[in-house]
N, C-alpha and C. Protein backbone atom coordinates (compact mmCIF):
# COMPACT_ATOMS: atom_id res chain seq x y z
N MET A 1 19.51 18.72 -1.68
CA MET A 1 18.46 18.02 -1.25
C MET A 1 19.32 16.48 -1.40
N SER A 2 18.85 15.55 -0.15
CA SER A 2 19.71 14.22 0.12
C SER A 2 18.69 13.37 -0.05
N ILE A 3 18.95 12.24 -0.70
CA ILE A 3 18.15 11.19 -0.84
C ILE A 3 18.31 10.23 0.35
N ASP A 4 17.09 9.85 0.88
CA ASP A 4 17.14 8.78 1.90
C ASP A 4 17.40 7.62 1.71
N THR A 5 18.27 6.63 2.32
CA THR A 5 18.81 5.42 1.83
C THR A 5 17.56 4.52 1.88
N GLU A 6 16.68 4.63 2.65
CA GLU A 6 15.37 3.74 2.46
C GLU A 6 14.74 4.07 1.22
N ASP A 7 14.52 5.36 0.85
CA ASP A 7 13.88 5.72 -0.26
C ASP A 7 14.63 4.74 -1.76
N LEU A 8 15.80 4.46 -1.73
CA LEU A 8 16.29 3.70 -2.59
C LEU A 8 16.04 2.07 -2.39
N MET A 9 15.68 1.82 -1.50
CA MET A 9 15.35 0.54 -1.01
C MET A 9 13.93 0.05 -1.63
N ILE A 10 12.87 1.14 -1.68
CA ILE A 10 11.34 0.99 -1.64
C ILE A 10 11.28 0.94 -3.23
N CYS A 11 10.26 -0.07 -3.78
CA CYS A 11 9.73 -0.15 -5.41
C CYS A 11 9.36 1.20 -5.88
N PRO A 12 9.71 1.45 -7.17
CA PRO A 12 9.38 2.66 -7.57
C PRO A 12 7.77 2.62 -8.37
N ALA A 13 7.36 1.56 -8.33
CA ALA A 13 6.09 1.26 -9.41
C ALA A 13 4.94 2.10 -8.45
N ARG A 14 3.94 2.72 -9.64
CA ARG A 14 2.99 3.97 -8.79
C ARG A 14 1.54 3.29 -9.48
N ILE A 15 0.69 3.47 -8.66
CA ILE A 15 -0.77 3.54 -9.46
C ILE A 15 -1.69 4.53 -9.49
N THR A 16 -2.50 4.72 -10.31
CA THR A 16 -3.64 5.95 -10.30
C THR A 16 -4.91 5.06 -9.92
N LEU A 17 -5.61 5.51 -8.82
CA LEU A 17 -6.60 4.88 -8.60
C LEU A 17 -7.90 4.95 -9.53
N ASP A 18 -8.83 4.42 -9.80
CA ASP A 18 -9.82 4.74 -10.43
C ASP A 18 -10.93 5.38 -9.73
N ALA A 19 -12.08 5.56 -10.48
CA ALA A 19 -13.22 6.35 -9.45
C ALA A 19 -13.86 5.26 -8.53
N ALA A 20 -14.20 4.06 -8.80
CA ALA A 20 -14.66 3.15 -8.33
C ALA A 20 -13.84 2.81 -7.01
N GLN A 21 -12.42 2.83 -7.28
CA GLN A 21 -11.49 2.46 -6.10
C GLN A 21 -11.59 3.57 -4.96
N LEU A 22 -11.40 5.00 -5.46
CA LEU A 22 -11.53 6.03 -4.76
C LEU A 22 -12.87 5.87 -3.80
N ALA A 23 -14.22 5.56 -4.55
CA ALA A 23 -15.35 5.53 -4.03
C ALA A 23 -15.46 4.50 -2.76
N PHE A 24 -14.86 3.48 -3.13
CA PHE A 24 -14.84 2.30 -2.01
C PHE A 24 -14.10 2.79 -0.81
N LEU A 25 -12.81 3.52 -0.87
CA LEU A 25 -12.13 3.94 0.23
C LEU A 25 -12.67 4.88 1.05
N ASP A 26 -13.34 6.01 0.27
CA ASP A 26 -14.01 7.06 0.80
C ASP A 26 -15.40 6.58 1.58
N ALA A 27 -15.72 5.32 1.22
CA ALA A 27 -16.88 5.05 1.99
C ALA A 27 -16.88 4.14 3.12
N LEU A 28 -15.48 3.95 3.63
CA LEU A 28 -15.29 3.08 4.77
C LEU A 28 -15.43 4.02 5.89
N PRO A 29 -15.97 3.32 6.85
CA PRO A 29 -16.61 3.91 8.10
C PRO A 29 -15.44 4.89 8.88
N THR A 30 -14.10 4.62 8.64
CA THR A 30 -13.11 5.75 9.13
C THR A 30 -12.80 6.38 8.03
N LYS A 31 -13.16 7.59 8.01
CA LYS A 31 -12.55 8.50 6.93
C LYS A 31 -10.96 8.88 6.82
N ALA A 32 -10.37 8.71 5.80
CA ALA A 32 -9.12 9.15 5.76
C ALA A 32 -9.10 10.58 5.45
N PRO A 33 -7.91 11.36 6.23
CA PRO A 33 -7.94 12.83 6.18
C PRO A 33 -7.87 13.29 4.60
N THR A 34 -7.42 12.67 3.63
CA THR A 34 -7.52 12.60 2.13
C THR A 34 -7.14 11.27 1.78
N VAL A 35 -8.08 11.14 0.72
CA VAL A 35 -7.83 9.98 -0.18
C VAL A 35 -7.30 10.37 -1.32
N GLN A 36 -5.84 9.56 -1.33
CA GLN A 36 -4.98 9.80 -2.61
C GLN A 36 -5.37 9.16 -3.68
N SER A 37 -5.10 9.53 -4.70
CA SER A 37 -5.64 9.20 -6.12
C SER A 37 -4.19 8.30 -6.61
N GLU A 38 -3.25 8.72 -6.32
CA GLU A 38 -2.03 8.13 -6.65
C GLU A 38 -0.99 7.74 -5.64
N LEU A 39 -0.75 6.38 -5.87
CA LEU A 39 0.02 5.82 -4.70
C LEU A 39 1.10 5.04 -5.01
N GLY A 40 2.30 4.88 -4.24
CA GLY A 40 3.63 4.33 -4.72
C GLY A 40 3.61 3.00 -3.75
N CYS A 41 4.25 2.03 -4.68
CA CYS A 41 4.56 0.62 -4.10
C CYS A 41 5.20 0.77 -2.80
N GLU A 42 4.84 0.19 -1.57
CA GLU A 42 5.51 0.47 -0.47
C GLU A 42 6.31 -0.65 -0.04
N LEU A 43 6.36 -1.75 -1.02
CA LEU A 43 7.58 -2.93 -0.82
C LEU A 43 8.67 -2.46 -1.10
N GLU A 44 9.61 -3.65 -0.74
CA GLU A 44 11.27 -3.49 -1.33
C GLU A 44 11.38 -3.86 -2.71
N ARG A 45 12.18 -2.89 -3.11
CA ARG A 45 12.60 -2.91 -4.34
C ARG A 45 13.03 -4.40 -4.67
N GLY A 46 12.34 -4.96 -5.77
CA GLY A 46 12.79 -6.17 -6.47
C GLY A 46 11.63 -7.25 -5.71
N HIS A 47 10.99 -6.90 -5.24
CA HIS A 47 9.90 -7.69 -4.49
C HIS A 47 9.17 -8.88 -5.40
N GLU A 48 8.95 -9.89 -4.93
CA GLU A 48 8.07 -10.94 -5.97
C GLU A 48 6.56 -10.65 -5.68
N GLY A 49 5.88 -10.81 -6.78
CA GLY A 49 4.35 -11.01 -6.78
C GLY A 49 3.76 -9.36 -7.24
N SER A 50 2.65 -9.18 -6.63
CA SER A 50 2.06 -7.88 -6.79
C SER A 50 2.61 -6.54 -6.21
N HIS A 51 2.46 -5.34 -6.53
CA HIS A 51 2.89 -4.22 -6.08
C HIS A 51 1.87 -4.04 -4.97
N ALA A 52 2.06 -3.19 -3.64
CA ALA A 52 1.12 -2.98 -2.74
C ALA A 52 1.32 -1.65 -2.12
N ALA A 53 0.30 -0.86 -1.97
CA ALA A 53 0.19 0.53 -1.16
C ALA A 53 -0.98 0.58 -0.47
N LEU A 54 -0.97 1.10 1.07
CA LEU A 54 -1.97 1.16 1.96
C LEU A 54 -2.76 2.20 1.22
N GLY A 55 -4.13 1.92 1.22
CA GLY A 55 -5.03 2.59 1.09
C GLY A 55 -6.08 3.58 2.06
N GLN A 56 -6.11 2.57 3.28
CA GLN A 56 -6.87 3.02 4.13
C GLN A 56 -6.93 2.15 5.31
N GLN A 57 -6.91 2.72 6.73
CA GLN A 57 -7.11 1.86 7.88
C GLN A 57 -8.15 2.06 8.49
N VAL A 58 -8.87 1.23 8.92
CA VAL A 58 -10.26 1.14 9.72
C VAL A 58 -9.94 -0.05 10.80
N GLU A 59 -9.49 0.71 12.22
CA GLU A 59 -9.18 -0.04 13.13
C GLU A 59 -7.89 -0.79 13.10
N ALA A 60 -8.14 -2.28 13.20
CA ALA A 60 -6.88 -3.50 13.07
C ALA A 60 -6.90 -3.74 11.82
N ARG A 61 -8.14 -3.25 10.80
CA ARG A 61 -7.71 -3.51 9.27
C ARG A 61 -7.43 -2.59 8.49
N MET A 62 -6.53 -3.03 7.75
CA MET A 62 -5.78 -2.20 6.85
C MET A 62 -6.20 -2.75 5.26
N TRP A 63 -6.83 -1.54 4.37
CA TRP A 63 -7.01 -1.95 2.96
C TRP A 63 -6.15 -1.40 2.29
N TRP A 64 -5.42 -2.62 1.54
CA TRP A 64 -4.25 -2.22 0.54
C TRP A 64 -4.41 -2.49 -0.85
N ILE A 65 -4.17 -1.61 -1.79
CA ILE A 65 -4.24 -1.78 -3.08
C ILE A 65 -3.26 -2.62 -3.86
N GLN A 66 -3.48 -3.60 -4.42
CA GLN A 66 -2.39 -4.58 -4.76
C GLN A 66 -2.99 -4.57 -6.37
N TRP A 67 -1.51 -4.55 -7.09
CA TRP A 67 -1.40 -4.50 -8.60
C TRP A 67 -0.47 -4.80 -9.46
N THR A 68 -0.79 -5.46 -10.72
CA THR A 68 0.09 -5.90 -11.35
C THR A 68 -0.06 -4.84 -12.57
N LEU A 69 0.66 -5.21 -13.79
CA LEU A 69 0.57 -4.57 -15.16
C LEU A 69 -0.86 -4.44 -15.86
N SER A 70 -1.51 -5.52 -15.32
CA SER A 70 -2.99 -5.57 -16.02
C SER A 70 -3.93 -5.72 -14.99
N ALA A 71 -4.04 -5.68 -13.80
CA ALA A 71 -5.01 -5.47 -12.93
C ALA A 71 -4.64 -4.98 -11.31
N SER A 72 -5.90 -4.58 -10.83
CA SER A 72 -5.57 -4.13 -9.74
C SER A 72 -6.75 -4.43 -8.82
N GLU A 73 -6.56 -4.64 -7.29
CA GLU A 73 -7.68 -4.90 -6.31
C GLU A 73 -7.17 -4.18 -5.19
N ILE A 74 -8.54 -4.14 -4.14
CA ILE A 74 -8.29 -3.68 -2.85
C ILE A 74 -8.48 -4.87 -1.94
N ASN A 75 -7.54 -5.11 -0.86
CA ASN A 75 -7.70 -6.53 -0.15
C ASN A 75 -7.52 -5.87 1.35
N PRO A 76 -8.32 -6.56 2.32
CA PRO A 76 -8.03 -6.41 3.55
C PRO A 76 -7.00 -7.00 4.29
N TYR A 77 -6.16 -6.47 5.04
CA TYR A 77 -5.25 -7.20 5.75
C TYR A 77 -4.85 -6.76 7.34
N THR A 78 -4.22 -7.17 8.12
CA THR A 78 -3.54 -6.72 9.22
C THR A 78 -2.30 -6.36 9.25
N TRP A 79 -1.91 -5.44 10.37
CA TRP A 79 -0.65 -5.33 10.34
C TRP A 79 0.49 -6.66 10.44
N CYS A 80 1.65 -6.31 10.02
CA CYS A 80 2.74 -7.29 10.10
C CYS A 80 2.96 -7.47 11.59
N PRO A 81 3.10 -8.67 12.18
CA PRO A 81 3.47 -9.10 13.62
C PRO A 81 4.95 -8.58 13.75
N SER A 82 5.62 -8.39 12.85
CA SER A 82 7.05 -7.83 13.38
C SER A 82 7.17 -6.56 13.50
N ASP A 83 6.11 -5.82 13.92
CA ASP A 83 6.20 -4.42 14.32
C ASP A 83 6.89 -3.47 12.85
N CYS A 84 6.44 -3.94 11.60
CA CYS A 84 6.74 -2.92 10.52
C CYS A 84 5.51 -2.45 10.13
N SER A 85 5.62 -1.65 9.32
CA SER A 85 4.41 -0.86 8.46
C SER A 85 3.88 -1.13 7.47
N LEU A 86 4.04 -2.59 7.02
CA LEU A 86 3.52 -3.30 6.21
C LEU A 86 2.42 -4.23 6.69
N PHE A 87 1.79 -4.94 5.62
CA PHE A 87 0.84 -5.94 5.77
C PHE A 87 1.30 -7.43 6.41
N ASP A 88 0.43 -8.25 7.25
CA ASP A 88 0.60 -9.29 7.60
C ASP A 88 1.12 -10.38 6.33
N GLY A 89 2.26 -11.01 6.17
CA GLY A 89 2.56 -11.96 5.13
C GLY A 89 2.96 -10.96 3.72
N HIS A 90 3.60 -9.74 4.05
CA HIS A 90 4.47 -9.05 2.58
C HIS A 90 5.61 -9.52 2.53
N PRO A 91 5.86 -9.73 1.18
CA PRO A 91 7.18 -10.38 0.60
C PRO A 91 8.30 -9.23 0.89
N GLY A 92 9.26 -9.85 1.20
CA GLY A 92 10.54 -8.72 1.20
C GLY A 92 10.87 -8.61 2.83
N ARG A 93 11.65 -7.43 3.13
CA ARG A 93 12.19 -7.00 4.42
C ARG A 93 11.01 -6.14 5.13
N HIS A 94 11.14 -6.12 6.38
CA HIS A 94 10.19 -5.44 7.11
C HIS A 94 10.87 -3.83 7.20
N PHE A 95 9.65 -2.85 7.08
CA PHE A 95 10.36 -1.70 6.99
C PHE A 95 9.23 -0.76 8.32
N ASN A 96 9.98 0.13 9.02
CA ASN A 96 9.39 0.63 9.85
C ASN A 96 8.90 1.98 9.67
C-alpha cells in the first residue's frame, strides 16, 4: 500500500457529528447519497483556525462543518474561486 503525498499534507483532525447535525444535513433539499457521521478535516496540515469538512452541497451552496476542541457548527459557503475543492476564504493552500 502506498501513501499519496497529498494525504500527508491534509490535516489529520476528525469529528463525529451528533444527531442534530446529522438531522440538519439530512433535511437539506438535495439529499446526499449518504450522510457520513465521521468526517476528516480537508484543510492543509498546520492550518490556522478551526478545522473544516464538507458536509453537504445544495446547488452552489456548500455546508461545511467547522470545529475546534470545544465546539462545532455547520456554516454555508460557496466554492473557492481558485478552482479548488475547498470553500471561499479557506486558510492554507488550494486543493483540487
